[in-house]
Amino acid sequence: MRKRNKRETGANLSAAQEVLLKLWEEHVRHEFTTHHTEDTLATMVEDAYVNHIPVLTGGVGKKELREFYSKRFIPQMPPDTEMVPLSRTIGDDQLVDEMIFKFTHTILASSIRGRSPLSAWRVPKKQWTNNCHQML
């Protein structure tokens, strides 16, 4: 994910907001740059909840999320994955990023929740391979 400058993140963040921002950026770095499951999980609370709505994947708690990150999300991420930031809202205990998630289907994702492999990462009304997709 592209780094944001001080103006984009807000120069007047509270100490709690700064901690949250640094933790989130570390989490995203491990998901999308280092691709390291255990380091990704280390940035999360024990009862973390991940729900990737477009593809109905994720999990609750570190045991389920370890399975999700190590077998589904990180190894099946298309190599040209890009996130384009649109907006960010930071509270003392919550951070919300709005972004465009771009990728080209070059990797066949495994079956998730009973779906066939061809539909696991399908963006509606698109073919699964060699098409560039964007999700908001």
Protein backbone atom coordinates (compact mmCIF):
# COMPACT_ATOMS: atom_id res chain seq x y z
CA MET A 1 0.00 0.00 0.00
CA ARG A 2 1.29 3.44 -0.89
CA LYS A 3 2.63 5.38 2.10
CA ARG A 4 0.66 8.46 3.05
CA ASN A 5 2.34 11.72 3.91
CA LYS A 6 1.64 13.67 7.12
CA ARG A 7 -0.96 15.82 5.39
CA GLU A 8 -2.94 12.76 4.27
CA THR A 9 -2.87 11.08 7.68
CA GLY A 10 -3.44 14.20 9.70
CA ALA A 11 -0.70 16.03 11.57
CA ASN A 12 -2.73 16.42 14.77
CA LEU A 13 -3.27 12.81 15.83
CA SER A 14 -3.57 11.92 19.51
CA ALA A 15 -1.11 9.46 21.03
CA ALA A 16 -3.76 6.70 20.87
CA GLN A 17 -4.45 7.46 17.22
CA GLU A 18 -0.72 7.38 16.38
CA VAL A 19 -0.39 3.96 18.04
CA LEU A 20 -3.39 2.65 16.13
CA LEU A 21 -2.10 4.06 12.84
CA LYS A 22 1.36 2.49 13.30
CA LEU A 23 -0.18 -0.86 14.23
CA TRP A 24 -2.46 -0.81 11.16
CA GLU A 25 0.40 0.09 8.83
CA GLU A 26 2.48 -2.75 10.30
CA HIS A 27 -0.45 -5.15 9.80
CA VAL A 28 -0.92 -4.14 6.15
CA ARG A 29 2.83 -4.36 5.54
CA HIS A 30 2.88 -7.98 6.72
CA GLU A 31 -0.21 -8.88 4.69
CA PHE A 32 0.86 -7.28 1.41
CA THR A 33 4.66 -6.81 1.50
CA THR A 34 6.34 -9.42 3.73
CA HIS A 35 3.50 -11.95 3.29
CA HIS A 36 4.21 -13.29 6.78
CA THR A 37 1.24 -14.87 8.56
CA GLU A 38 2.61 -14.90 12.11
CA ASP A 39 3.72 -11.26 11.92
CA THR A 40 0.29 -10.33 10.55
CA LEU A 41 -1.41 -12.15 13.44
CA ALA A 42 0.91 -10.47 15.96
CA THR A 43 -0.74 -7.14 15.11
CA MET A 44 -4.21 -8.48 16.02
CA VAL A 45 -6.12 -9.08 19.26
CA GLU A 46 -6.89 -12.70 20.24
CA ASP A 47 -10.56 -12.48 19.22
CA ALA A 48 -9.96 -10.58 15.98
CA TYR A 49 -12.64 -10.82 13.30
CA VAL A 50 -11.91 -10.60 9.57
CA ASN A 51 -14.70 -10.56 7.00
CA HIS A 52 -13.71 -9.99 3.37
CA ILE A 53 -17.20 -9.25 2.12
CA PRO A 54 -16.56 -9.42 -1.67
CA VAL A 55 -15.40 -13.05 -1.46
CA LEU A 56 -17.03 -14.16 1.83
CA THR A 57 -13.78 -15.23 3.48
CA GLY A 58 -12.07 -14.58 6.79
CA GLY A 59 -12.40 -15.94 10.28
CA VAL A 60 -12.82 -15.26 13.99
CA GLY A 61 -9.96 -15.65 16.44
CA LYS A 62 -6.31 -16.30 15.77
CA LYS A 63 -6.73 -20.03 15.08
CA GLU A 64 -9.18 -19.44 12.21
CA LEU A 65 -7.25 -16.41 10.99
CA ARG A 66 -3.96 -18.33 10.94
CA GLU A 67 -5.64 -20.84 8.60
CA PHE A 68 -7.15 -18.04 6.51
CA TYR A 69 -3.96 -15.97 6.14
CA SER A 70 -1.54 -18.89 5.67
CA LYS A 71 -3.59 -20.98 3.23
CA ARG A 72 -6.02 -18.67 1.49
CA PHE A 73 -5.33 -14.96 1.62
CA ILE A 74 -1.56 -14.47 1.51
CA PRO A 75 -0.51 -17.31 -0.85
CA GLN A 76 -3.42 -16.70 -3.24
CA MET A 77 -2.96 -12.96 -3.57
CA PRO A 78 -2.49 -11.93 -7.19
CA PRO A 79 1.06 -10.59 -7.73
CA ASP A 80 -0.11 -7.20 -9.05
CA THR A 81 -2.37 -6.45 -6.08
CA GLU A 82 -2.55 -2.71 -5.48
CA MET A 83 -4.48 -0.63 -2.98
CA VAL A 84 -5.23 2.97 -3.87
CA PRO A 85 -6.18 4.99 -0.76
CA LEU A 86 -9.32 7.12 -0.96
CA SER A 87 -9.97 8.19 2.62
CA ARG A 88 -8.95 7.39 6.19
CA THR A 89 -10.77 8.02 9.46
CA ILE A 90 -8.94 7.44 12.74
CA GLY A 91 -10.60 7.38 16.14
CA ASP A 92 -8.99 6.45 19.46
CA ASP A 93 -9.97 2.78 19.08
CA GLN A 94 -10.93 2.41 15.41
CA LEU A 95 -9.36 3.08 12.02
CA VAL A 96 -11.30 2.94 8.76
CA ASP A 97 -9.57 2.97 5.37
CA GLU A 98 -11.54 3.33 2.17
CA MET A 99 -9.59 2.16 -0.86
CA ILE A 100 -9.74 0.79 -4.36
CA PHE A 101 -8.37 -2.76 -4.40
CA LYS A 102 -6.93 -3.60 -7.84
CA PHE A 103 -5.74 -6.95 -9.11
CA THR A 104 -5.54 -9.19 -12.14
CA HIS A 105 -6.79 -12.77 -11.78
CA THR A 106 -3.65 -14.76 -12.49
CA ILE A 107 -3.90 -17.24 -9.60
CA LEU A 108 -6.69 -19.79 -9.25
CA ALA A 109 -7.90 -19.48 -5.66
CA SER A 110 -8.80 -22.66 -3.80
CA SER A 111 -12.34 -23.59 -2.92
CA ILE A 112 -13.68 -21.42 -0.11
CA ARG A 113 -16.85 -22.26 1.82
CA GLY A 114 -18.07 -24.79 -0.68
CA ARG A 115 -17.55 -22.67 -3.79
CA SER A 116 -15.84 -24.09 -6.83
CA PRO A 117 -12.27 -22.90 -7.47
CA LEU A 118 -13.40 -20.77 -10.41
CA SER A 119 -15.67 -18.60 -8.27
CA ALA A 120 -13.51 -18.22 -5.16
CA TRP A 121 -12.04 -14.84 -6.18
CA ARG A 122 -14.45 -13.93 -8.93
CA VAL A 123 -15.56 -10.34 -9.08
CA PRO A 124 -19.21 -10.40 -10.24
CA LYS A 125 -19.73 -10.62 -14.01
CA LYS A 126 -16.00 -11.04 -14.73
CA GLN A 127 -13.89 -14.00 -15.85
CA TRP A 128 -11.41 -15.28 -13.29
CA THR A 129 -8.21 -15.17 -15.31
CA ASN A 130 -6.15 -12.39 -16.87
CA ASN A 131 -8.72 -9.67 -16.31
CA CYS A 132 -7.89 -6.60 -14.26
CA HIS A 133 -10.45 -5.87 -11.54
CA GLN A 134 -11.04 -3.03 -9.12
CA MET A 135 -13.14 -3.17 -5.95
CA LEU A 136 -14.11 -0.29 -3.75
